[in-house]
Amino acid sequence: MDQAGGKKDFDTWLRRAWSAAVRTAEAMGRSPIEDLLDRIDRLEREVTALKKEGETGIDGRLDRAS
């Protein structure tokens, strides 16, 4: 068995497989729906943070007047 030739064949196969994987990953861009869902998640976190901030008030005391 020719081990040197086998290693070269494996190296070539591995390089081609890696290149194909990289091209596939580059081709998979984010869809507009994914961007929209990320924006909604971020806005929901911001609203939650603002609600918590409004409950405690600016000076850190609970604001239960309302």
N, C-alpha and C. Protein backbone atom coordinates (compact mmCIF):
# COMPACT_ATOMS: atom_id res chain seq x y z
N MET A 1 0.85 -1.18 0.00
CA MET A 1 0.00 0.00 0.00
C MET A 1 0.89 1.24 0.00
N ASP A 2 0.53 2.18 -0.80
CA ASP A 2 1.29 3.42 -0.94
C ASP A 2 0.78 4.43 0.08
N GLN A 3 1.44 4.55 1.22
CA GLN A 3 0.97 5.43 2.28
C GLN A 3 1.12 6.90 1.91
N ALA A 4 2.18 7.25 1.20
CA ALA A 4 2.38 8.64 0.81
C ALA A 4 1.27 9.10 -0.14
N GLY A 5 0.91 8.24 -1.08
CA GLY A 5 -0.16 8.57 -2.02
C GLY A 5 -1.50 8.64 -1.31
N GLY A 6 -1.72 7.75 -0.33
CA GLY A 6 -2.96 7.76 0.43
C GLY A 6 -3.12 9.03 1.24
N LYS A 7 -2.00 9.49 1.83
CA LYS A 7 -2.04 10.72 2.62
C LYS A 7 -2.33 11.92 1.72
N LYS A 8 -1.70 11.92 0.52
CA LYS A 8 -1.95 13.03 -0.41
C LYS A 8 -3.42 13.05 -0.85
N ASP A 9 -3.97 11.86 -1.11
CA ASP A 9 -5.38 11.78 -1.50
C ASP A 9 -6.28 12.27 -0.38
N PHE A 10 -5.95 11.87 0.85
CA PHE A 10 -6.75 12.30 1.99
C PHE A 10 -6.65 13.82 2.18
N ASP A 11 -5.45 14.36 2.06
CA ASP A 11 -5.26 15.81 2.19
C ASP A 11 -6.09 16.57 1.15
N THR A 12 -6.07 16.05 -0.08
CA THR A 12 -6.84 16.69 -1.15
C THR A 12 -8.33 16.61 -0.84
N TRP A 13 -8.78 15.44 -0.40
CA TRP A 13 -10.20 15.29 -0.06
C TRP A 13 -10.58 16.22 1.09
N LEU A 14 -9.74 16.30 2.11
CA LEU A 14 -10.02 17.14 3.26
C LEU A 14 -10.08 18.62 2.86
N ARG A 15 -9.16 19.07 2.02
CA ARG A 15 -9.15 20.46 1.56
C ARG A 15 -10.41 20.77 0.77
N ARG A 16 -10.82 19.86 -0.10
CA ARG A 16 -12.03 20.06 -0.89
C ARG A 16 -13.27 20.08 -0.01
N ALA A 17 -13.33 19.17 0.96
CA ALA A 17 -14.48 19.13 1.87
C ALA A 17 -14.54 20.42 2.69
N TRP A 18 -13.39 20.90 3.18
CA TRP A 18 -13.36 22.14 3.96
C TRP A 18 -13.81 23.32 3.10
N SER A 19 -13.32 23.39 1.88
CA SER A 19 -13.71 24.48 0.98
C SER A 19 -15.20 24.46 0.70
N ALA A 20 -15.75 23.27 0.51
CA ALA A 20 -17.19 23.15 0.27
C ALA A 20 -17.98 23.60 1.50
N ALA A 21 -17.50 23.24 2.68
CA ALA A 21 -18.18 23.65 3.91
C ALA A 21 -18.13 25.16 4.07
N VAL A 22 -17.00 25.76 3.78
CA VAL A 22 -16.87 27.22 3.90
C VAL A 22 -17.79 27.92 2.90
N ARG A 23 -17.83 27.43 1.67
CA ARG A 23 -18.72 28.04 0.66
C ARG A 23 -20.18 27.91 1.07
N THR A 24 -20.55 26.78 1.64
CA THR A 24 -21.92 26.58 2.09
C THR A 24 -22.26 27.55 3.22
N ALA A 25 -21.34 27.70 4.17
CA ALA A 25 -21.58 28.63 5.29
C ALA A 25 -21.70 30.06 4.79
N GLU A 26 -20.90 30.45 3.82
CA GLU A 26 -20.97 31.80 3.28
C GLU A 26 -22.28 32.03 2.53
N ALA A 27 -22.80 30.98 1.90
CA ALA A 27 -24.03 31.11 1.13
C ALA A 27 -25.26 31.21 2.03
N MET A 28 -25.14 30.75 3.26
CA MET A 28 -26.28 30.77 4.17
C MET A 28 -26.32 32.11 4.90
N GLY A 29 -26.85 33.10 4.26
CA GLY A 29 -26.99 34.41 4.90
C GLY A 29 -28.22 34.42 5.79
N ARG A 30 -28.31 35.41 6.61
CA ARG A 30 -29.48 35.54 7.49
C ARG A 30 -30.67 36.03 6.67
N SER A 31 -31.80 35.44 6.93
CA SER A 31 -33.01 35.85 6.22
C SER A 31 -33.59 37.11 6.88
N PRO A 32 -34.40 37.85 6.15
CA PRO A 32 -35.04 39.03 6.74
C PRO A 32 -35.90 38.68 7.97
N ILE A 33 -36.51 37.50 7.97
CA ILE A 33 -37.32 37.09 9.11
C ILE A 33 -36.44 36.91 10.35
N GLU A 34 -35.26 36.32 10.18
CA GLU A 34 -34.35 36.15 11.32
C GLU A 34 -33.92 37.51 11.87
N ASP A 35 -33.65 38.45 11.00
CA ASP A 35 -33.29 39.80 11.44
C ASP A 35 -34.46 40.44 12.20
N LEU A 36 -35.66 40.26 11.69
CA LEU A 36 -36.84 40.82 12.33
C LEU A 36 -37.06 40.21 13.72
N LEU A 37 -36.92 38.90 13.84
CA LEU A 37 -37.11 38.23 15.12
C LEU A 37 -36.05 38.68 16.13
N ASP A 38 -34.82 38.86 15.69
CA ASP A 38 -33.77 39.36 16.58
C ASP A 38 -34.10 40.77 17.06
N ARG A 39 -34.60 41.59 16.17
CA ARG A 39 -34.97 42.97 16.55
C ARG A 39 -36.12 42.97 17.56
N ILE A 40 -37.11 42.11 17.34
CA ILE A 40 -38.24 42.01 18.27
C ILE A 40 -37.75 41.55 19.64
N ASP A 41 -36.88 40.55 19.67
CA ASP A 41 -36.33 40.08 20.95
C ASP A 41 -35.60 41.20 21.68
N ARG A 42 -34.80 41.96 20.94
CA ARG A 42 -34.04 43.07 21.55
C ARG A 42 -35.00 44.14 22.10
N LEU A 43 -36.05 44.47 21.34
CA LEU A 43 -37.02 45.46 21.80
C LEU A 43 -37.78 44.98 23.03
N GLU A 44 -38.11 43.69 23.07
CA GLU A 44 -38.80 43.15 24.24
C GLU A 44 -37.91 43.25 25.49
N ARG A 45 -36.62 42.98 25.34
CA ARG A 45 -35.70 43.11 26.48
C ARG A 45 -35.59 44.56 26.93
N GLU A 46 -35.56 45.48 25.98
CA GLU A 46 -35.48 46.90 26.33
C GLU A 46 -36.74 47.36 27.06
N VAL A 47 -37.91 46.91 26.61
CA VAL A 47 -39.16 47.28 27.26
C VAL A 47 -39.19 46.73 28.68
N THR A 48 -38.75 45.49 28.87
CA THR A 48 -38.70 44.89 30.19
C THR A 48 -37.78 45.68 31.10
N ALA A 49 -36.63 46.07 30.59
CA ALA A 49 -35.68 46.84 31.40
C ALA A 49 -36.28 48.20 31.77
N LEU A 50 -36.97 48.84 30.84
CA LEU A 50 -37.60 50.13 31.13
C LEU A 50 -38.71 49.99 32.16
N LYS A 51 -39.48 48.90 32.08
CA LYS A 51 -40.54 48.67 33.06
C LYS A 51 -39.94 48.49 34.45
N LYS A 52 -38.86 47.72 34.54
CA LYS A 52 -38.20 47.53 35.84
C LYS A 52 -37.67 48.84 36.37
N GLU A 53 -37.10 49.63 35.48
CA GLU A 53 -36.57 50.93 35.87
C GLU A 53 -37.69 51.84 36.35
N GLY A 54 -38.84 51.79 35.70
CA GLY A 54 -39.98 52.60 36.10
C GLY A 54 -40.57 52.16 37.43
N GLU A 55 -40.51 50.86 37.74
CA GLU A 55 -41.04 50.36 39.00
C GLU A 55 -40.17 50.81 40.18
N THR A 56 -38.87 50.82 39.99
CA THR A 56 -37.99 51.18 41.10
C THR A 56 -37.77 52.67 41.19
N GLY A 57 -38.03 53.40 40.14
CA GLY A 57 -37.81 54.84 40.14
C GLY A 57 -36.35 55.17 39.90
N ILE A 58 -36.06 56.42 39.73
CA ILE A 58 -34.71 56.85 39.39
C ILE A 58 -33.76 56.67 40.56
N ASP A 59 -34.23 56.93 41.80
CA ASP A 59 -33.33 56.89 42.95
C ASP A 59 -33.24 55.49 43.56
N GLY A 60 -33.91 54.50 42.98
CA GLY A 60 -33.80 53.14 43.46
C GLY A 60 -34.92 52.73 44.42
N ARG A 61 -35.75 53.67 44.87
CA ARG A 61 -36.86 53.33 45.75
C ARG A 61 -38.04 52.85 44.91
N LEU A 62 -38.85 52.00 45.50
CA LEU A 62 -40.04 51.52 44.80
C LEU A 62 -41.02 52.65 44.60
N ASP A 63 -41.54 52.77 43.41
CA ASP A 63 -42.49 53.83 43.06
C ASP A 63 -43.85 53.16 42.87
N ARG A 64 -44.64 53.07 43.93
CA ARG A 64 -45.95 52.39 43.86
C ARG A 64 -47.10 53.39 43.95
N ALA A 65 -46.87 54.61 43.51
CA ALA A 65 -47.91 55.64 43.56
C ALA A 65 -49.03 55.34 42.58
N SER A 66 -48.75 54.65 41.50
CA SER A 66 -49.76 54.39 40.48
C SER A 66 -50.51 53.11 40.71
